[in-house]
Amino acid sequence: MASDRVTLKIPRPLYEKLKHAVEGTGFRSVNEFVIHVLRDLVAETGSAPAALTAREIELIRARLRNLGYL
């Protein structure tokens, strides 16, 4: 029987940062948070996003730094 879920591997340091970031939020786990973020990302674009430009990546990094994730 095929499962309706798959395993997605991420680097452990990223997982640990995300684990710390979701503490005290409404998210029960890193998995729940990641699913939420990915659903939002796909909902915004209507499909998987196109490749990001170098400028977009830097803006995302700056925002994550300002939020304390990096």
PDB file of N, CA and C in Angstrom:
ATOM      1  N   MET A   1       0.841  -1.187   0.000  1.00  0.00           N
ATOM      2  CA  MET A   1       0.000   0.000   0.000  1.00  0.00           C
ATOM      3  C   MET A   1       0.886   1.251   0.000  1.00  0.00           C
ATOM      4  N   ALA A   2       0.610   2.172  -0.869  1.00  0.00           N
ATOM      5  CA  ALA A   2       1.396   3.402  -0.981  1.00  0.00           C
ATOM      6  C   ALA A   2       0.959   4.396   0.087  1.00  0.00           C
ATOM      7  N   SER A   3       1.931   5.053   0.676  1.00  0.00           N
ATOM      8  CA  SER A   3       1.653   6.070   1.688  1.00  0.00           C
ATOM      9  C   SER A   3       1.323   7.391   1.011  1.00  0.00           C
ATOM     10  N   ASP A   4       0.560   8.216   1.690  1.00  0.00           N
ATOM     11  CA  ASP A   4       0.249   9.546   1.149  1.00  0.00           C
ATOM     12  C   ASP A   4       1.263  10.586   1.617  1.00  0.00           C
ATOM     13  N   ARG A   5       2.360  10.127   2.228  1.00  0.00           N
ATOM     14  CA  ARG A   5       3.412  11.025   2.706  1.00  0.00           C
ATOM     15  C   ARG A   5       4.770  10.550   2.198  1.00  0.00           C
ATOM     16  N   VAL A   6       5.702  11.481   2.121  1.00  0.00           N
ATOM     17  CA  VAL A   6       7.083  11.163   1.749  1.00  0.00           C
ATOM     18  C   VAL A   6       8.014  11.793   2.776  1.00  0.00           C
ATOM     19  N   THR A   7       9.229  11.337   2.793  1.00  0.00           N
ATOM     20  CA  THR A   7      10.240  11.892   3.685  1.00  0.00           C
ATOM     21  C   THR A   7      11.056  12.908   2.911  1.00  0.00           C
ATOM     22  N   LEU A   8      11.259  14.067   3.516  1.00  0.00           N
ATOM     23  CA  LEU A   8      12.062  15.125   2.921  1.00  0.00           C
ATOM     24  C   LEU A   8      13.230  15.370   3.856  1.00  0.00           C
ATOM     25  N   LYS A   9      14.443  15.261   3.351  1.00  0.00           N
ATOM     26  CA  LYS A   9      15.619  15.420   4.192  1.00  0.00           C
ATOM     27  C   LYS A   9      16.145  16.841   4.101  1.00  0.00           C
ATOM     28  N   ILE A  10      16.451  17.407   5.281  1.00  0.00           N
ATOM     29  CA  ILE A  10      17.057  18.740   5.361  1.00  0.00           C
ATOM     30  C   ILE A  10      18.279  18.635   6.265  1.00  0.00           C
ATOM     31  N   PRO A  11      19.207  19.551   6.131  1.00  0.00           N
ATOM     32  CA  PRO A  11      20.394  19.518   6.995  1.00  0.00           C
ATOM     33  C   PRO A  11      19.999  19.656   8.472  1.00  0.00           C
ATOM     34  N   ARG A  12      20.655  18.894   9.345  1.00  0.00           N
ATOM     35  CA  ARG A  12      20.342  18.920  10.773  1.00  0.00           C
ATOM     36  C   ARG A  12      20.471  20.316  11.385  1.00  0.00           C
ATOM     37  N   PRO A  13      21.514  21.108  11.039  1.00  0.00           N
ATOM     38  CA  PRO A  13      21.586  22.459  11.620  1.00  0.00           C
ATOM     39  C   PRO A  13      20.345  23.306  11.282  1.00  0.00           C
ATOM     40  N   LEU A  14      19.824  23.175  10.075  1.00  0.00           N
ATOM     41  CA  LEU A  14      18.612  23.899   9.703  1.00  0.00           C
ATOM     42  C   LEU A  14      17.433  23.393  10.523  1.00  0.00           C
ATOM     43  N   TYR A  15      17.330  22.082  10.668  1.00  0.00           N
ATOM     44  CA  TYR A  15      16.257  21.503  11.469  1.00  0.00           C
ATOM     45  C   TYR A  15      16.308  22.036  12.903  1.00  0.00           C
ATOM     46  N   GLU A  16      17.488  22.083  13.483  1.00  0.00           N
ATOM     47  CA  GLU A  16      17.626  22.565  14.860  1.00  0.00           C
ATOM     48  C   GLU A  16      17.214  24.032  14.988  1.00  0.00           C
ATOM     49  N   LYS A  17      17.579  24.850  13.997  1.00  0.00           N
ATOM     50  CA  LYS A  17      17.173  26.261  14.008  1.00  0.00           C
ATOM     51  C   LYS A  17      15.658  26.385  13.900  1.00  0.00           C
ATOM     52  N   LEU A  18      15.070  25.587  13.020  1.00  0.00           N
ATOM     53  CA  LEU A  18      13.615  25.613  12.863  1.00  0.00           C
ATOM     54  C   LEU A  18      12.922  25.120  14.132  1.00  0.00           C
ATOM     55  N   LYS A  19      13.484  24.098  14.755  1.00  0.00           N
ATOM     56  CA  LYS A  19      12.925  23.560  15.996  1.00  0.00           C
ATOM     57  C   LYS A  19      12.890  24.655  17.059  1.00  0.00           C
ATOM     58  N   HIS A  20      13.965  25.406  17.161  1.00  0.00           N
ATOM     59  CA  HIS A  20      14.022  26.513  18.120  1.00  0.00           C
ATOM     60  C   HIS A  20      13.027  27.623  17.728  1.00  0.00           C
ATOM     61  N   ALA A  21      12.907  27.885  16.430  1.00  0.00           N
ATOM     62  CA  ALA A  21      12.043  28.967  15.957  1.00  0.00           C
ATOM     63  C   ALA A  21      10.564  28.687  16.210  1.00  0.00           C
ATOM     64  N   VAL A  22      10.144  27.421  16.191  1.00  0.00           N
ATOM     65  CA  VAL A  22       8.723  27.118  16.364  1.00  0.00           C
ATOM     66  C   VAL A  22       8.312  26.997  17.827  1.00  0.00           C
ATOM     67  N   GLU A  23       9.289  27.002  18.746  1.00  0.00           N
ATOM     68  CA  GLU A  23       8.961  26.948  20.171  1.00  0.00           C
ATOM     69  C   GLU A  23       8.117  28.160  20.548  1.00  0.00           C
ATOM     70  N   GLY A  24       7.030  27.908  21.250  1.00  0.00           N
ATOM     71  CA  GLY A  24       6.171  28.994  21.701  1.00  0.00           C
ATOM     72  C   GLY A  24       5.213  29.521  20.648  1.00  0.00           C
ATOM     73  N   THR A  25       5.181  28.874  19.486  1.00  0.00           N
ATOM     74  CA  THR A  25       4.239  29.275  18.438  1.00  0.00           C
ATOM     75  C   THR A  25       3.079  28.287  18.444  1.00  0.00           C
ATOM     76  N   GLY A  26       2.170  28.452  17.539  1.00  0.00           N
ATOM     77  CA  GLY A  26       1.049  27.524  17.423  1.00  0.00           C
ATOM     78  C   GLY A  26       1.411  26.233  16.713  1.00  0.00           C
ATOM     79  N   PHE A  27       2.633  26.139  16.215  1.00  0.00           N
ATOM     80  CA  PHE A  27       3.039  24.938  15.496  1.00  0.00           C
ATOM     81  C   PHE A  27       3.487  23.876  16.485  1.00  0.00           C
ATOM     82  N   ARG A  28       3.023  22.647  16.278  1.00  0.00           N
ATOM     83  CA  ARG A  28       3.360  21.548  17.182  1.00  0.00           C
ATOM     84  C   ARG A  28       4.681  20.892  16.846  1.00  0.00           C
ATOM     85  N   SER A  29       5.196  21.139  15.635  1.00  0.00           N
ATOM     86  CA  SER A  29       6.436  20.484  15.219  1.00  0.00           C
ATOM     87  C   SER A  29       7.062  21.250  14.061  1.00  0.00           C
ATOM     88  N   VAL A  30       8.327  20.930  13.786  1.00  0.00           N
ATOM     89  CA  VAL A  30       9.016  21.496  12.622  1.00  0.00           C
ATOM     90  C   VAL A  30       8.293  21.057  11.354  1.00  0.00           C
ATOM     91  N   ASN A  31       7.888  19.804  11.311  1.00  0.00           N
ATOM     92  CA  ASN A  31       7.190  19.272  10.146  1.00  0.00           C
ATOM     93  C   ASN A  31       5.934  20.100   9.843  1.00  0.00           C
ATOM     94  N   GLU A  32       5.137  20.375  10.865  1.00  0.00           N
ATOM     95  CA  GLU A  32       3.918  21.156  10.683  1.00  0.00           C
ATOM     96  C   GLU A  32       4.244  22.558  10.168  1.00  0.00           C
ATOM     97  N   PHE A  33       5.291  23.168  10.702  1.00  0.00           N
ATOM     98  CA  PHE A  33       5.707  24.501  10.261  1.00  0.00           C
ATOM     99  C   PHE A  33       6.152  24.495   8.799  1.00  0.00           C
ATOM    100  N   VAL A  34       6.978  23.520   8.433  1.00  0.00           N
ATOM    101  CA  VAL A  34       7.489  23.440   7.057  1.00  0.00           C
ATOM    102  C   VAL A  34       6.337  23.227   6.078  1.00  0.00           C
ATOM    103  N   ILE A  35       5.397  22.375   6.412  1.00  0.00           N
ATOM    104  CA  ILE A  35       4.234  22.151   5.540  1.00  0.00           C
ATOM    105  C   ILE A  35       3.471  23.460   5.362  1.00  0.00           C
ATOM    106  N   HIS A  36       3.273  24.195   6.449  1.00  0.00           N
ATOM    107  CA  HIS A  36       2.565  25.477   6.382  1.00  0.00           C
ATOM    108  C   HIS A  36       3.286  26.456   5.443  1.00  0.00           C
ATOM    109  N   VAL A  37       4.597  26.581   5.615  1.00  0.00           N
ATOM    110  CA  VAL A  37       5.378  27.505   4.794  1.00  0.00           C
ATOM    111  C   VAL A  37       5.319  27.110   3.316  1.00  0.00           C
ATOM    112  N   LEU A  38       5.481  25.833   3.036  1.00  0.00           N
ATOM    113  CA  LEU A  38       5.461  25.387   1.639  1.00  0.00           C
ATOM    114  C   LEU A  38       4.081  25.568   1.009  1.00  0.00           C
ATOM    115  N   ARG A  39       3.026  25.291   1.761  1.00  0.00           N
ATOM    116  CA  ARG A  39       1.672  25.523   1.230  1.00  0.00           C
ATOM    117  C   ARG A  39       1.460  26.987   0.915  1.00  0.00           C
ATOM    118  N   ASP A  40       1.903  27.874   1.821  1.00  0.00           N
ATOM    119  CA  ASP A  40       1.776  29.311   1.569  1.00  0.00           C
ATOM    120  C   ASP A  40       2.549  29.731   0.330  1.00  0.00           C
ATOM    121  N   LEU A  41       3.754  29.216   0.186  1.00  0.00           N
ATOM    122  CA  LEU A  41       4.587  29.565  -0.954  1.00  0.00           C
ATOM    123  C   LEU A  41       3.932  29.155  -2.265  1.00  0.00           C
ATOM    124  N   VAL A  42       3.407  27.960  -2.302  1.00  0.00           N
ATOM    125  CA  VAL A  42       2.753  27.479  -3.522  1.00  0.00           C
ATOM    126  C   VAL A  42       1.448  28.226  -3.759  1.00  0.00           C
ATOM    127  N   ALA A  43       0.714  28.551  -2.697  1.00  0.00           N
ATOM    128  CA  ALA A  43      -0.548  29.277  -2.840  1.00  0.00           C
ATOM    129  C   ALA A  43      -0.322  30.677  -3.408  1.00  0.00           C
ATOM    130  N   GLU A  44       0.770  31.320  -3.012  1.00  0.00           N
ATOM    131  CA  GLU A  44       1.071  32.672  -3.495  1.00  0.00           C
ATOM    132  C   GLU A  44       1.325  32.693  -4.994  1.00  0.00           C
ATOM    133  N   THR A  45       1.991  31.672  -5.500  1.00  0.00           N
ATOM    134  CA  THR A  45       2.385  31.673  -6.902  1.00  0.00           C
ATOM    135  C   THR A  45       1.443  30.861  -7.771  1.00  0.00           C
ATOM    136  N   GLY A  46       0.607  30.031  -7.165  1.00  0.00           N
ATOM    137  CA  GLY A  46      -0.285  29.170  -7.931  1.00  0.00           C
ATOM    138  C   GLY A  46       0.402  27.907  -8.393  1.00  0.00           C
ATOM    139  N   SER A  47       1.703  27.845  -8.209  1.00  0.00           N
ATOM    140  CA  SER A  47       2.488  26.665  -8.574  1.00  0.00           C
ATOM    141  C   SER A  47       3.831  26.780  -7.867  1.00  0.00           C
ATOM    142  N   ALA A  48       4.687  25.843  -8.109  1.00  0.00           N
ATOM    143  CA  ALA A  48       6.028  25.924  -7.523  1.00  0.00           C
ATOM    144  C   ALA A  48       6.706  27.192  -8.030  1.00  0.00           C
ATOM    145  N   PRO A  49       7.439  27.883  -7.183  1.00  0.00           N
ATOM    146  CA  PRO A  49       8.057  29.139  -7.599  1.00  0.00           C
ATOM    147  C   PRO A  49       9.177  28.924  -8.610  1.00  0.00           C
ATOM    148  N   ALA A  50       9.367  29.931  -9.433  1.00  0.00           N
ATOM    149  CA  ALA A  50      10.485  29.911 -10.379  1.00  0.00           C
ATOM    150  C   ALA A  50      11.772  30.125  -9.592  1.00  0.00           C
ATOM    151  N   ALA A  51      12.881  29.938 -10.231  1.00  0.00           N
ATOM    152  CA  ALA A  51      14.179  30.155  -9.572  1.00  0.00           C
ATOM    153  C   ALA A  51      14.260  31.594  -9.082  1.00  0.00           C
ATOM    154  N   LEU A  52      14.837  31.767  -7.911  1.00  0.00           N
ATOM    155  CA  LEU A  52      14.979  33.100  -7.336  1.00  0.00           C
ATOM    156  C   LEU A  52      16.217  33.791  -7.886  1.00  0.00           C
ATOM    157  N   THR A  53      16.126  35.093  -7.986  1.00  0.00           N
ATOM    158  CA  THR A  53      17.292  35.869  -8.402  1.00  0.00           C
ATOM    159  C   THR A  53      18.217  36.031  -7.201  1.00  0.00           C
ATOM    160  N   ALA A  54      19.442  36.429  -7.456  1.00  0.00           N
ATOM    161  CA  ALA A  54      20.398  36.660  -6.379  1.00  0.00           C
ATOM    162  C   ALA A  54      19.872  37.745  -5.433  1.00  0.00           C
ATOM    163  N   ARG A  55      19.239  38.757  -5.969  1.00  0.00           N
ATOM    164  CA  ARG A  55      18.679  39.845  -5.156  1.00  0.00           C
ATOM    165  C   ARG A  55      17.553  39.327  -4.262  1.00  0.00           C
ATOM    166  N   GLU A  56      16.673  38.476  -4.797  1.00  0.00           N
ATOM    167  CA  GLU A  56      15.585  37.913  -4.007  1.00  0.00           C
ATOM    168  C   GLU A  56      16.120  37.039  -2.865  1.00  0.00           C
ATOM    169  N   ILE A  57      17.151  36.283  -3.151  1.00  0.00           N
ATOM    170  CA  ILE A  57      17.762  35.440  -2.122  1.00  0.00           C
ATOM    171  C   ILE A  57      18.345  36.302  -1.017  1.00  0.00           C
ATOM    172  N   GLU A  58      19.012  37.374  -1.370  1.00  0.00           N
ATOM    173  CA  GLU A  58      19.594  38.262  -0.367  1.00  0.00           C
ATOM    174  C   GLU A  58      18.504  38.934   0.471  1.00  0.00           C
ATOM    175  N   LEU A  59      17.401  39.320  -0.147  1.00  0.00           N
ATOM    176  CA  LEU A  59      16.292  39.915   0.598  1.00  0.00           C
ATOM    177  C   LEU A  59      15.691  38.915   1.584  1.00  0.00           C
ATOM    178  N   ILE A  60      15.566  37.681   1.165  1.00  0.00           N
ATOM    179  CA  ILE A  60      15.038  36.633   2.045  1.00  0.00           C
ATOM    180  C   ILE A  60      15.990  36.408   3.216  1.00  0.00           C
ATOM    181  N   ARG A  61      17.275  36.331   2.922  1.00  0.00           N
ATOM    182  CA  ARG A  61      18.270  36.149   3.997  1.00  0.00           C
ATOM    183  C   ARG A  61      18.224  37.305   4.987  1.00  0.00           C
ATOM    184  N   ALA A  62      18.119  38.525   4.469  1.00  0.00           N
ATOM    185  CA  ALA A  62      18.061  39.698   5.348  1.00  0.00           C
ATOM    186  C   ALA A  62      16.815  39.640   6.227  1.00  0.00           C
ATOM    187  N   ARG A  63      15.717  39.255   5.663  1.00  0.00           N
ATOM    188  CA  ARG A  63      14.477  39.163   6.443  1.00  0.00           C
ATOM    189  C   ARG A  63      14.580  38.094   7.524  1.00  0.00           C
ATOM    190  N   LEU A  64      15.126  36.943   7.163  1.00  0.00           N
ATOM    191  CA  LEU A  64      15.317  35.857   8.138  1.00  0.00           C
ATOM    192  C   LEU A  64      16.278  36.284   9.243  1.00  0.00           C
ATOM    193  N   ARG A  65      17.339  37.016   8.882  1.00  0.00           N
ATOM    194  CA  ARG A  65      18.270  37.530   9.893  1.00  0.00           C
ATOM    195  C   ARG A  65      17.555  38.491  10.846  1.00  0.00           C
ATOM    196  N   ASN A  66      16.754  39.391  10.285  1.00  0.00           N
ATOM    197  CA  ASN A  66      16.014  40.359  11.105  1.00  0.00           C
ATOM    198  C   ASN A  66      15.019  39.670  12.034  1.00  0.00           C
ATOM    199  N   LEU A  67      14.499  38.530  11.603  1.00  0.00           N
ATOM    200  CA  LEU A  67      13.561  37.775  12.437  1.00  0.00           C
ATOM    201  C   LEU A  67      14.270  36.875  13.435  1.00  0.00           C
ATOM    202  N   GLY A  68      15.597  36.810  13.325  1.00  0.00           N
ATOM    203  CA  GLY A  68      16.362  36.015  14.262  1.00  0.00           C
ATOM    204  C   GLY A  68      16.565  34.558  13.877  1.00  0.00           C
ATOM    205  N   TYR A  69      16.212  34.202  12.657  1.00  0.00           N
ATOM    206  CA  TYR A  69      16.374  32.807  12.218  1.00  0.00           C
ATOM    207  C   TYR A  69      17.780  32.512  11.736  1.00  0.00           C
ATOM    208  N   LEU A  70      18.496  33.522  11.298  1.00  0.00           N
ATOM    209  CA  LEU A  70      19.874  33.324  10.826  1.00  0.00           C
ATOM    210  C   LEU A  70      20.829  34.156  11.656  1.00  0.00           C
TER     211      LEU A  70
END
